[in-house]
C-alpha atoms as a PDB file:
ATOM      1  CA  MET A   1      -7.440  -0.724   8.288  1.00  0.00           C
ATOM      2  CA  ASP A   2      -7.418  -4.255   9.666  1.00  0.00           C
ATOM      3  CA  GLU A   3      -4.252  -5.378  11.519  1.00  0.00           C
ATOM      4  CA  THR A   4      -4.346  -8.738   9.739  1.00  0.00           C
ATOM      5  CA  LEU A   5      -4.135  -7.014   6.354  1.00  0.00           C
ATOM      6  CA  ILE A   6      -1.245  -4.816   7.533  1.00  0.00           C
ATOM      7  CA  LYS A   7       0.634  -7.887   8.780  1.00  0.00           C
ATOM      8  CA  ARG A   8       0.007  -9.672   5.484  1.00  0.00           C
ATOM      9  CA  MET A   9       1.409  -6.686   3.571  1.00  0.00           C
ATOM     10  CA  ILE A  10       4.523  -6.525   5.765  1.00  0.00           C
ATOM     11  CA  ALA A  11       4.975 -10.310   5.430  1.00  0.00           C
ATOM     12  CA  SER A  12       5.438  -9.801   1.690  1.00  0.00           C
ATOM     13  CA  ILE A  13       8.636  -7.847   2.411  1.00  0.00           C
ATOM     14  CA  LYS A  14      11.976  -9.636   2.526  1.00  0.00           C
ATOM     15  CA  CYS A  15      14.369  -9.362   5.456  1.00  0.00           C
ATOM     16  CA  GLY A  16      17.146  -6.884   4.654  1.00  0.00           C
ATOM     17  CA  SER A  17      19.672  -9.141   6.346  1.00  0.00           C
ATOM     18  CA  CYS A  18      19.011 -12.645   4.969  1.00  0.00           C
ATOM     19  CA  GLY A  19      16.432 -12.124   2.188  1.00  0.00           C
ATOM     20  CA  GLN A  20      13.741 -14.402   3.651  1.00  0.00           C
ATOM     21  CA  ASN A  21      10.131 -13.224   3.813  1.00  0.00           C
ATOM     22  CA  TYR A  22       8.819 -12.215   7.203  1.00  0.00           C
ATOM     23  CA  HIS A  23       6.108 -14.375   8.785  1.00  0.00           C
ATOM     24  CA  GLU A  24       2.861 -12.819  10.001  1.00  0.00           C
ATOM     25  CA  ASP A  25       3.241 -14.395  13.434  1.00  0.00           C
ATOM     26  CA  HIS A  26       6.539 -12.493  13.886  1.00  0.00           C
ATOM     27  CA  ILE A  27       4.981  -9.099  13.177  1.00  0.00           C
ATOM     28  CA  GLU A  28       3.523  -7.071  16.023  1.00  0.00           C
ATOM     29  CA  VAL A  29       1.658  -3.781  15.717  1.00  0.00           C
ATOM     30  CA  VAL A  30       3.235  -1.406  18.225  1.00  0.00           C
ATOM     31  CA  GLU A  31       1.101   1.656  17.547  1.00  0.00           C
ATOM     32  CA  HIS A  32      -0.897   3.307  14.835  1.00  0.00           C
ATOM     33  CA  ASN A  33      -2.408   6.715  14.372  1.00  0.00           C
ATOM     34  CA  ASP A  34      -4.554   7.305  11.292  1.00  0.00           C
ATOM     35  CA  GLU A  35      -2.321   6.374   8.334  1.00  0.00           C
ATOM     36  CA  LEU A  36       0.918   5.911  10.301  1.00  0.00           C
ATOM     37  CA  TRP A  37       1.679   2.394  11.561  1.00  0.00           C
ATOM     38  CA  PHE A  38       4.645   1.232  13.684  1.00  0.00           C
ATOM     39  CA  LEU A  39       5.370  -2.488  13.650  1.00  0.00           C
ATOM     40  CA  LYS A  40       7.966  -4.618  15.405  1.00  0.00           C
ATOM     41  CA  VAL A  41       9.230  -7.244  12.958  1.00  0.00           C
ATOM     42  CA  SER A  42      11.434 -10.230  13.705  1.00  0.00           C
ATOM     43  CA  CYS A  43      12.921 -12.473  11.030  1.00  0.00           C
ATOM     44  CA  SER A  44      12.206 -16.111  11.814  1.00  0.00           C
ATOM     45  CA  SER A  45      15.241 -17.163   9.772  1.00  0.00           C
ATOM     46  CA  CYS A  46      18.125 -14.965  10.996  1.00  0.00           C
ATOM     47  CA  HIS A  47      16.363 -13.482  14.075  1.00  0.00           C
ATOM     48  CA  VAL A  48      17.165  -9.871  13.151  1.00  0.00           C
ATOM     49  CA  ARG A  49      14.602  -7.499  14.649  1.00  0.00           C
ATOM     50  CA  CYS A  50      13.566  -4.129  13.280  1.00  0.00           C
ATOM     51  CA  LEU A  51      10.990  -1.404  13.657  1.00  0.00           C
ATOM     52  CA  VAL A  52       8.926  -0.652  10.557  1.00  0.00           C
ATOM     53  CA  ALA A  53       7.128   2.655  10.074  1.00  0.00           C
ATOM     54  CA  ALA A  54       4.554   2.511   7.292  1.00  0.00           C
ATOM     55  CA  ILE A  55       2.072   5.002   5.917  1.00  0.00           C
ATOM     56  CA  ILE A  56      -1.020   3.135   4.715  1.00  0.00           C
ATOM     57  CA  ARG A  57      -3.596   5.146   2.802  1.00  0.00           C
ATOM     58  CA  GLU A  58      -6.789   3.159   2.369  1.00  0.00           C
ATOM     59  CA  ASN A  59      -8.506   5.234  -0.296  1.00  0.00           C
ATOM     60  CA  ALA A  60      -5.462   6.329  -2.268  1.00  0.00           C
ATOM     61  CA  LYS A  61      -5.294   5.150  -5.855  1.00  0.00           C
ATOM     62  CA  PRO A  62      -1.911   3.692  -6.771  1.00  0.00           C
ATOM     63  CA  GLU A  63       0.101   5.519  -9.403  1.00  0.00           C
ATOM     64  CA  VAL A  64       0.108   3.660 -12.696  1.00  0.00           C
ATOM     65  CA  ILE A  65       3.646   3.126 -13.932  1.00  0.00           C
ATOM     66  CA  THR A  66       3.745   1.918 -17.517  1.00  0.00           C
ATOM     67  CA  ASP A  67       5.637   2.235 -20.749  1.00  0.00           C
ATOM     68  CA  LEU A  68       2.397   2.116 -22.745  1.00  0.00           C
ATOM     69  CA  THR A  69       1.340   5.169 -24.728  1.00  0.00           C
ATOM     70  CA  GLU A  70      -2.022   6.836 -24.102  1.00  0.00           C
ATOM     71  CA  GLU A  71      -3.360   5.188 -27.264  1.00  0.00           C
ATOM     72  CA  GLU A  72      -2.211   1.747 -26.100  1.00  0.00           C
ATOM     73  CA  MET A  73      -3.734   2.296 -22.654  1.00  0.00           C
ATOM     74  CA  GLU A  74      -7.054   3.197 -24.271  1.00  0.00           C
ATOM     75  CA  LYS A  75      -6.860   0.208 -26.628  1.00  0.00           C
ATOM     76  CA  PHE A  76      -6.225  -2.346 -23.865  1.00  0.00           C
ATOM     77  CA  LYS A  77      -8.382  -0.838 -21.121  1.00  0.00           C
ATOM     78  CA  ASN A  78     -11.611  -2.627 -22.087  1.00  0.00           C
ATOM     79  CA  LEU A  79     -10.181  -5.973 -23.174  1.00  0.00           C
ATOM     80  CA  ASP A  80     -10.981  -9.097 -21.215  1.00  0.00           C
ATOM     81  CA  GLY A  81      -8.289 -10.586 -19.015  1.00  0.00           C
ATOM     82  CA  VAL A  82      -6.417 -13.802 -19.643  1.00  0.00           C
ATOM     83  CA  ARG A  83      -8.808 -16.750 -19.780  1.00  0.00           C
ATOM     84  CA  ASP A  84      -8.238 -20.399 -18.890  1.00  0.00           C
ATOM     85  CA  GLU A  85      -8.291 -21.271 -22.578  1.00  0.00           C
ATOM     86  CA  ASP A  86      -5.492 -18.769 -23.220  1.00  0.00           C
ATOM     87  CA  LEU A  87      -3.290 -20.391 -20.598  1.00  0.00           C
ATOM     88  CA  LEU A  88      -3.967 -23.872 -21.948  1.00  0.00           C
ATOM     89  CA  ALA A  89      -3.170 -22.755 -25.491  1.00  0.00           C
ATOM     90  CA  MET A  90       0.118 -21.203 -24.328  1.00  0.00           C
ATOM     91  CA  HIS A  91       0.950 -24.352 -22.377  1.00  0.00           C
ATOM     92  CA  ASP A  92       0.359 -26.499 -25.465  1.00  0.00           C
ATOM     93  CA  PHE A  93       2.455 -24.129 -27.593  1.00  0.00           C
ATOM     94  CA  LEU A  94       5.392 -24.055 -25.155  1.00  0.00           C
ATOM     95  CA  LYS A  95       5.352 -27.808 -24.636  1.00  0.00           C
ATOM     96  CA  ASP A  96       6.788 -28.351 -28.123  1.00  0.00           C
ATOM     97  CA  PHE A  97       8.420 -24.934 -28.669  1.00  0.00           C
ATOM     98  CA  ASP A  98      12.035 -25.183 -29.829  1.00  0.00           C
ATOM     99  CA  GLY A  99      13.026 -21.614 -28.863  1.00  0.00           C
ATOM    100  CA  ASP A 100      13.127 -20.246 -32.430  1.00  0.00           C
ATOM    101  CA  PHE A 101      11.639 -16.797 -31.729  1.00  0.00           C
ATOM    102  CA  PRO A 102      12.606 -15.273 -35.097  1.00  0.00           C
ATOM    103  CA  ARG A 103      10.481 -17.952 -36.800  1.00  0.00           C
ATOM    104  CA  VAL A 104       7.538 -17.225 -34.491  1.00  0.00           C
ATOM    105  CA  PHE A 105       7.683 -13.463 -35.002  1.00  0.00           C
ATOM    106  CA  ARG A 106       8.574 -13.493 -38.687  1.00  0.00           C
ATOM    107  CA  GLN A 107       5.937 -11.613 -40.669  1.00  0.00           C
ATOM    108  CA  GLU A 108       4.916 -13.628 -43.707  1.00  0.00           C
END
């Protein structure tokens, strides 16, 4: 795995002390062996330093966590994603939306 990608992943984590995201230029790879990575991380905001141990599996599939049923998963699996037109339509709808959800979801 590329060190740049590892640093980018760690930079998405927030500092446990002040809550700011880490910056890639304050992350240093100390050592790695196969899937196990040790990184020295310093928060650019509060200057707290820590050692991060991470197991990075390149070919592992992430576990899917969902509240969808099997039938719903099957139904939505082959649908196209959100298109530009969908976003524009939602934008136009929300621009004048008054917040009356019962009216929107009322079955007539």
